[in-house]
Amino acid sequence: MTNNLRYIIRKCLVIAGAIIATLLITTQLAMAAQTTGDKNVRGVAFEWGNSTWVLADDGELISAGGDIGQAPPLHDVLSNNGIEPGQVKSIEFAKTTSAHDITGMLGDLPNLQKISKFNNLDYSGSAEQMFRVDSMLKTMDI
């Protein structure tokens, strides 16, 4: 009888853990959507360094703030999160975002056309080739 009870308790703990994990993920997505001006969110929010980002349905990539630090370039972070860098059409720094040594940071985004609220990016260090191979970039709100 005690073996059956232990089995049932273990199963209940596994189910409870799965429910809690689902609630945490859903809460994170809801909070990210609120910080992006109620845009429809595509996929999941992801972290770039210690900053949170969301990709909207229209291809706008939105920073919810934080510190990128010296994290890898954005195109690598997107790829590592299952997002094709070509999906990004615009970037909005909705909240204050900081970064250090941003060489090539926003490069290799083939369909990037616009960057808005760029003044919310607080960076230090080298910005060499920051927009490398962004041939579609036409507008930057500084």
Protein backbone atom coordinates (compact mmCIF):
# COMPACT_ATOMS: atom_id res chain seq x y z
CA MET A 1 0.00 0.00 0.00
CA THR A 2 2.81 2.45 0.81
CA ASN A 3 4.46 1.84 -2.57
CA ASN A 4 1.22 2.79 -4.34
CA LEU A 5 0.90 5.90 -2.20
CA ARG A 6 4.49 6.93 -2.98
CA TYR A 7 3.85 6.39 -6.69
CA ILE A 8 0.71 8.54 -6.58
CA ILE A 9 2.50 11.29 -4.64
CA ARG A 10 5.38 11.32 -7.16
CA LYS A 11 2.98 11.55 -10.08
CA CYS A 12 1.11 14.41 -8.40
CA LEU A 13 4.38 16.27 -7.81
CA VAL A 14 5.39 15.86 -11.46
CA ILE A 15 2.00 17.15 -12.64
CA ALA A 16 2.13 20.07 -10.18
CA GLY A 17 5.65 20.95 -11.40
CA ALA A 18 4.48 20.96 -15.03
CA ILE A 19 1.53 23.20 -14.17
CA ILE A 20 3.76 25.65 -12.28
CA ALA A 21 6.28 25.77 -15.16
CA THR A 22 3.47 26.46 -17.65
CA LEU A 23 2.10 29.26 -15.46
CA LEU A 24 5.54 30.86 -15.13
CA ILE A 25 6.11 30.83 -18.89
CA THR A 26 2.63 32.22 -19.58
CA THR A 27 3.16 34.98 -17.00
CA GLN A 28 6.50 35.95 -18.57
CA LEU A 29 4.90 36.21 -22.02
CA ALA A 30 2.01 38.29 -20.68
CA MET A 31 4.38 40.69 -18.92
CA ALA A 32 6.52 41.02 -22.06
CA ALA A 33 3.40 41.77 -24.13
CA GLN A 34 2.36 44.50 -21.69
CA THR A 35 5.74 46.22 -21.97
CA THR A 36 5.51 46.24 -25.77
CA GLY A 37 2.38 48.37 -26.09
CA ASP A 38 -0.14 45.54 -26.51
CA LYS A 39 1.33 44.30 -29.79
CA ASN A 40 0.52 40.77 -30.86
CA VAL A 41 3.48 38.66 -29.80
CA ARG A 42 5.00 36.05 -32.09
CA GLY A 43 6.75 33.13 -30.44
CA VAL A 44 8.22 33.54 -27.00
CA ALA A 45 10.04 36.32 -25.28
CA PHE A 46 13.76 35.65 -25.13
CA GLU A 47 16.75 36.93 -23.22
CA TRP A 48 19.73 38.67 -24.79
CA GLY A 49 22.24 39.00 -22.00
CA ASN A 50 20.08 40.23 -19.13
CA SER A 51 17.55 42.03 -21.34
CA THR A 52 14.15 40.77 -22.46
CA TRP A 53 13.07 40.94 -26.13
CA VAL A 54 9.82 40.15 -27.94
CA LEU A 55 9.18 39.64 -31.66
CA ALA A 56 5.78 41.07 -32.74
CA ASP A 57 3.69 39.67 -35.61
CA ASP A 58 4.72 42.55 -37.88
CA GLY A 59 8.44 41.74 -37.57
CA GLU A 60 9.16 44.43 -34.99
CA LEU A 61 11.67 43.32 -32.40
CA ILE A 62 11.04 45.12 -29.13
CA SER A 63 13.36 45.55 -26.17
CA ALA A 64 11.64 45.49 -22.80
CA GLY A 65 14.82 46.85 -21.22
CA GLY A 66 17.72 45.43 -19.26
CA ASP A 67 21.44 44.94 -19.80
CA ILE A 68 22.70 43.18 -22.93
CA GLY A 69 26.22 43.35 -21.54
CA GLN A 70 28.80 41.77 -23.85
CA ALA A 71 26.42 39.11 -25.16
CA PRO A 72 26.83 37.70 -28.70
CA PRO A 73 25.46 39.66 -31.69
CA LEU A 74 21.68 39.75 -32.10
CA HIS A 75 21.62 37.51 -35.20
CA ASP A 76 23.31 34.73 -33.19
CA VAL A 77 20.91 35.15 -30.27
CA LEU A 78 17.92 35.02 -32.63
CA SER A 79 19.20 31.87 -34.34
CA ASN A 80 19.88 30.22 -30.98
CA ASN A 81 16.26 30.90 -30.02
CA GLY A 82 14.84 29.40 -33.22
CA ILE A 83 14.11 32.77 -34.87
CA GLU A 84 15.27 33.45 -38.42
CA PRO A 85 17.17 36.81 -38.37
CA GLY A 86 15.43 37.72 -41.65
CA GLN A 87 12.10 37.99 -39.78
CA VAL A 88 13.24 41.19 -38.06
CA LYS A 89 12.02 44.24 -39.99
CA SER A 90 12.36 46.86 -37.27
CA ILE A 91 13.79 47.25 -33.79
CA GLU A 92 12.31 49.38 -31.02
CA PHE A 93 14.18 50.12 -27.81
CA ALA A 94 10.94 50.60 -25.84
CA LYS A 95 12.73 50.72 -22.48
CA THR A 96 16.24 51.74 -21.44
CA THR A 97 18.66 49.04 -22.56
CA SER A 98 22.39 49.02 -21.90
CA ALA A 99 25.24 47.25 -23.72
CA HIS A 100 29.05 47.13 -23.72
CA ASP A 101 31.44 46.72 -26.67
CA ILE A 102 28.71 46.44 -29.29
CA THR A 103 30.85 45.59 -32.32
CA GLY A 104 28.53 44.05 -34.92
CA MET A 105 25.66 44.07 -32.40
CA LEU A 106 22.81 44.70 -34.87
CA GLY A 107 24.53 43.41 -38.00
CA ASP A 108 23.49 40.63 -40.36
CA LEU A 109 19.76 41.36 -40.17
CA PRO A 110 18.94 41.26 -43.91
CA ASN A 111 15.42 42.76 -43.65
CA LEU A 112 16.03 45.36 -40.93
CA GLN A 113 14.55 48.62 -42.24
CA LYS A 114 13.99 50.79 -39.17
CA ILE A 115 15.28 51.37 -35.65
CA SER A 116 13.18 53.48 -33.30
CA LYS A 117 13.87 54.99 -29.88
CA PHE A 118 17.57 54.35 -30.40
CA ASN A 119 18.23 56.95 -27.70
CA ASN A 120 17.07 54.32 -25.16
CA LEU A 121 20.21 52.29 -25.94
CA ASP A 122 22.93 53.25 -23.48
CA TYR A 123 26.18 51.75 -24.72
CA SER A 124 29.88 51.97 -24.11
CA GLY A 125 32.92 50.59 -25.90
CA SER A 126 33.39 49.98 -29.60
CA ALA A 127 30.42 50.29 -31.95
CA GLU A 128 32.46 49.24 -34.98
CA GLN A 129 30.41 47.58 -37.71
CA MET A 130 27.31 47.83 -35.54
CA PHE A 131 25.04 47.66 -38.60
CA ARG A 132 27.25 45.41 -40.78
CA VAL A 133 25.40 43.99 -43.80
CA ASP A 134 22.09 45.73 -42.96
CA SER A 135 21.53 46.88 -46.53
CA MET A 136 17.77 47.48 -46.04
CA LEU A 137 18.21 49.87 -43.06
CA LYS A 138 16.70 53.21 -44.08
CA THR A 139 15.35 54.88 -40.94
CA MET A 140 16.85 55.39 -37.51
CA ASP A 141 15.09 57.44 -34.83
CA ILE A 142 17.97 58.79 -32.71
